[in-house]
């Protein structure tokens, strides 16, 4: 028998019929590539390191991870997927833009 962890933020309810919904992950349907509006950002980190960030993906986490894996392997660099964003090491904006457009995504560079 596995006990569910107590939800964060809810300590006590005066409603005797209250039941916390533990299944807070909703199954979001992924939009087709042509309907996605992705933005490609460049962020500088400490130590003069740069990270390319892809934002605006609408869909479930698995599809986002698949896209991130494809972009990382195509660019030949590392990175991660977290908080609904794809992070690619280095300034890979041009490569990422060409790859996304080739795959049918609506994408453009954003920022300076």
C-alpha atoms as a PDB file:
ATOM      1  CA  UNK A   1       0.000   0.000   0.000  1.00  0.00           C
ATOM      2  CA  UNK A   2       1.522   3.307  -1.065  1.00  0.00           C
ATOM      3  CA  UNK A   3       0.507   6.418   0.779  1.00  0.00           C
ATOM      4  CA  UNK A   4       0.037   9.607  -1.160  1.00  0.00           C
ATOM      5  CA  UNK A   5       2.123  12.519  -0.044  1.00  0.00           C
ATOM      6  CA  UNK A   6       0.290  15.396   1.511  1.00  0.00           C
ATOM      7  CA  UNK A   7      -0.283  18.099  -1.095  1.00  0.00           C
ATOM      8  CA  UNK A   8       1.741  21.231  -0.670  1.00  0.00           C
ATOM      9  CA  UNK A   9      -0.173  24.391   0.133  1.00  0.00           C
ATOM     10  CA  UNK A  10      -3.238  22.674   1.628  1.00  0.00           C
ATOM     11  CA  UNK A  11      -3.014  22.164   5.348  1.00  0.00           C
ATOM     12  CA  UNK A  12      -6.605  21.922   6.522  1.00  0.00           C
ATOM     13  CA  UNK A  13     -10.092  22.381   5.101  1.00  0.00           C
ATOM     14  CA  UNK A  14     -13.219  23.094   7.119  1.00  0.00           C
ATOM     15  CA  UNK A  15     -15.332  21.515   4.386  1.00  0.00           C
ATOM     16  CA  UNK A  16     -16.070  17.945   5.479  1.00  0.00           C
ATOM     17  CA  UNK A  17     -16.694  16.871   1.848  1.00  0.00           C
ATOM     18  CA  UNK A  18     -13.414  18.301   0.533  1.00  0.00           C
ATOM     19  CA  UNK A  19     -11.202  15.935  -1.437  1.00  0.00           C
ATOM     20  CA  UNK A  20      -7.897  17.049  -2.860  1.00  0.00           C
ATOM     21  CA  UNK A  21      -7.382  16.230  -6.542  1.00  0.00           C
ATOM     22  CA  UNK A  22      -4.007  14.461  -6.700  1.00  0.00           C
ATOM     23  CA  UNK A  23      -4.160  14.071 -10.463  1.00  0.00           C
ATOM     24  CA  UNK A  24      -3.200  17.652 -11.287  1.00  0.00           C
ATOM     25  CA  UNK A  25      -1.389  16.718 -14.521  1.00  0.00           C
ATOM     26  CA  UNK A  26      -3.841  17.194 -17.331  1.00  0.00           C
ATOM     27  CA  UNK A  27      -3.367  15.529 -20.662  1.00  0.00           C
ATOM     28  CA  UNK A  28      -2.744  18.510 -22.943  1.00  0.00           C
ATOM     29  CA  UNK A  29      -3.145  17.821 -26.625  1.00  0.00           C
ATOM     30  CA  UNK A  30      -0.165  18.841 -28.728  1.00  0.00           C
ATOM     31  CA  UNK A  31      -0.869  21.293 -31.518  1.00  0.00           C
ATOM     32  CA  UNK A  32       0.300  20.347 -35.027  1.00  0.00           C
ATOM     33  CA  UNK A  33       3.672  21.773 -36.056  1.00  0.00           C
ATOM     34  CA  UNK A  34       2.115  24.348 -38.408  1.00  0.00           C
ATOM     35  CA  UNK A  35       0.036  25.799 -35.550  1.00  0.00           C
ATOM     36  CA  UNK A  36       2.925  26.106 -33.087  1.00  0.00           C
ATOM     37  CA  UNK A  37       4.353  29.611 -32.630  1.00  0.00           C
ATOM     38  CA  UNK A  38       7.849  29.108 -31.227  1.00  0.00           C
ATOM     39  CA  UNK A  39      10.295  31.816 -30.154  1.00  0.00           C
ATOM     40  CA  UNK A  40      14.049  31.295 -30.061  1.00  0.00           C
ATOM     41  CA  UNK A  41      15.918  33.301 -27.408  1.00  0.00           C
ATOM     42  CA  UNK A  42      19.582  33.624 -26.483  1.00  0.00           C
ATOM     43  CA  UNK A  43      20.521  34.002 -22.837  1.00  0.00           C
ATOM     44  CA  UNK A  44      23.970  34.722 -21.450  1.00  0.00           C
ATOM     45  CA  UNK A  45      24.973  32.945 -18.277  1.00  0.00           C
ATOM     46  CA  UNK A  46      27.840  33.639 -15.916  1.00  0.00           C
ATOM     47  CA  UNK A  47      31.248  32.718 -17.222  1.00  0.00           C
ATOM     48  CA  UNK A  48      30.422  34.043 -20.722  1.00  0.00           C
ATOM     49  CA  UNK A  49      28.360  30.922 -21.510  1.00  0.00           C
ATOM     50  CA  UNK A  50      25.339  31.146 -23.766  1.00  0.00           C
ATOM     51  CA  UNK A  51      22.127  29.117 -23.906  1.00  0.00           C
ATOM     52  CA  UNK A  52      19.574  28.965 -26.711  1.00  0.00           C
ATOM     53  CA  UNK A  53      16.027  28.779 -25.322  1.00  0.00           C
ATOM     54  CA  UNK A  54      12.966  27.688 -27.309  1.00  0.00           C
ATOM     55  CA  UNK A  55       9.678  28.905 -25.800  1.00  0.00           C
ATOM     56  CA  UNK A  56       6.013  28.771 -26.755  1.00  0.00           C
ATOM     57  CA  UNK A  57       5.491  25.039 -27.310  1.00  0.00           C
ATOM     58  CA  UNK A  58       1.861  24.028 -26.756  1.00  0.00           C
ATOM     59  CA  UNK A  59       1.447  20.355 -25.961  1.00  0.00           C
ATOM     60  CA  UNK A  60       2.272  17.553 -23.596  1.00  0.00           C
ATOM     61  CA  UNK A  61       5.620  17.072 -21.888  1.00  0.00           C
ATOM     62  CA  UNK A  62       6.569  13.935 -23.846  1.00  0.00           C
ATOM     63  CA  UNK A  63       6.268  15.677 -27.225  1.00  0.00           C
ATOM     64  CA  UNK A  64       8.312  18.601 -25.897  1.00  0.00           C
ATOM     65  CA  UNK A  65      11.033  16.208 -24.711  1.00  0.00           C
ATOM     66  CA  UNK A  66      11.055  14.471 -28.109  1.00  0.00           C
ATOM     67  CA  UNK A  67      11.481  17.800 -29.905  1.00  0.00           C
ATOM     68  CA  UNK A  68      14.232  18.811 -27.464  1.00  0.00           C
ATOM     69  CA  UNK A  69      16.073  15.531 -28.007  1.00  0.00           C
ATOM     70  CA  UNK A  70      15.859  15.942 -31.783  1.00  0.00           C
ATOM     71  CA  UNK A  71      17.178  19.518 -31.658  1.00  0.00           C
ATOM     72  CA  UNK A  72      20.028  18.633 -29.292  1.00  0.00           C
ATOM     73  CA  UNK A  73      21.184  15.720 -31.421  1.00  0.00           C
ATOM     74  CA  UNK A  74      20.903  17.719 -34.657  1.00  0.00           C
ATOM     75  CA  UNK A  75      23.011  20.524 -33.198  1.00  0.00           C
ATOM     76  CA  UNK A  76      25.474  18.075 -31.650  1.00  0.00           C
ATOM     77  CA  UNK A  77      25.317  19.690 -28.214  1.00  0.00           C
ATOM     78  CA  UNK A  78      23.783  19.064 -24.818  1.00  0.00           C
ATOM     79  CA  UNK A  79      20.802  20.684 -23.222  1.00  0.00           C
ATOM     80  CA  UNK A  80      17.648  19.990 -21.266  1.00  0.00           C
ATOM     81  CA  UNK A  81      13.890  20.380 -21.224  1.00  0.00           C
ATOM     82  CA  UNK A  82      12.302  21.966 -18.168  1.00  0.00           C
ATOM     83  CA  UNK A  83       9.485  24.323 -17.236  1.00  0.00           C
ATOM     84  CA  UNK A  84       8.000  24.084 -20.734  1.00  0.00           C
ATOM     85  CA  UNK A  85      11.197  25.299 -22.410  1.00  0.00           C
ATOM     86  CA  UNK A  86      13.936  23.637 -24.427  1.00  0.00           C
ATOM     87  CA  UNK A  87      17.463  24.688 -23.433  1.00  0.00           C
ATOM     88  CA  UNK A  88      20.296  24.084 -25.916  1.00  0.00           C
ATOM     89  CA  UNK A  89      23.922  24.760 -24.983  1.00  0.00           C
ATOM     90  CA  UNK A  90      25.626  27.544 -26.909  1.00  0.00           C
ATOM     91  CA  UNK A  91      24.404  30.016 -29.513  1.00  0.00           C
ATOM     92  CA  UNK A  92      22.500  27.620 -31.783  1.00  0.00           C
ATOM     93  CA  UNK A  93      19.764  30.050 -32.914  1.00  0.00           C
ATOM     94  CA  UNK A  94      20.397  29.758 -36.653  1.00  0.00           C
ATOM     95  CA  UNK A  95      20.583  25.944 -36.661  1.00  0.00           C
ATOM     96  CA  UNK A  96      17.505  25.614 -34.451  1.00  0.00           C
ATOM     97  CA  UNK A  97      15.538  28.074 -36.581  1.00  0.00           C
ATOM     98  CA  UNK A  98      16.359  26.200 -39.791  1.00  0.00           C
ATOM     99  CA  UNK A  99      15.548  22.817 -38.214  1.00  0.00           C
ATOM    100  CA  UNK A 100      12.209  23.998 -36.848  1.00  0.00           C
ATOM    101  CA  UNK A 101      11.155  25.612 -40.129  1.00  0.00           C
ATOM    102  CA  UNK A 102      12.217  22.476 -42.022  1.00  0.00           C
ATOM    103  CA  UNK A 103       9.956  20.405 -39.709  1.00  0.00           C
ATOM    104  CA  UNK A 104       6.996  22.706 -40.402  1.00  0.00           C
ATOM    105  CA  UNK A 105       7.020  24.781 -37.214  1.00  0.00           C
ATOM    106  CA  UNK A 106       6.305  28.493 -37.261  1.00  0.00           C
ATOM    107  CA  UNK A 107       9.372  29.865 -35.481  1.00  0.00           C
ATOM    108  CA  UNK A 108      11.390  33.046 -35.300  1.00  0.00           C
ATOM    109  CA  UNK A 109      14.220  34.551 -33.335  1.00  0.00           C
ATOM    110  CA  UNK A 110      13.219  36.792 -30.474  1.00  0.00           C
ATOM    111  CA  UNK A 111      15.158  39.311 -28.450  1.00  0.00           C
ATOM    112  CA  UNK A 112      18.365  41.159 -29.316  1.00  0.00           C
END
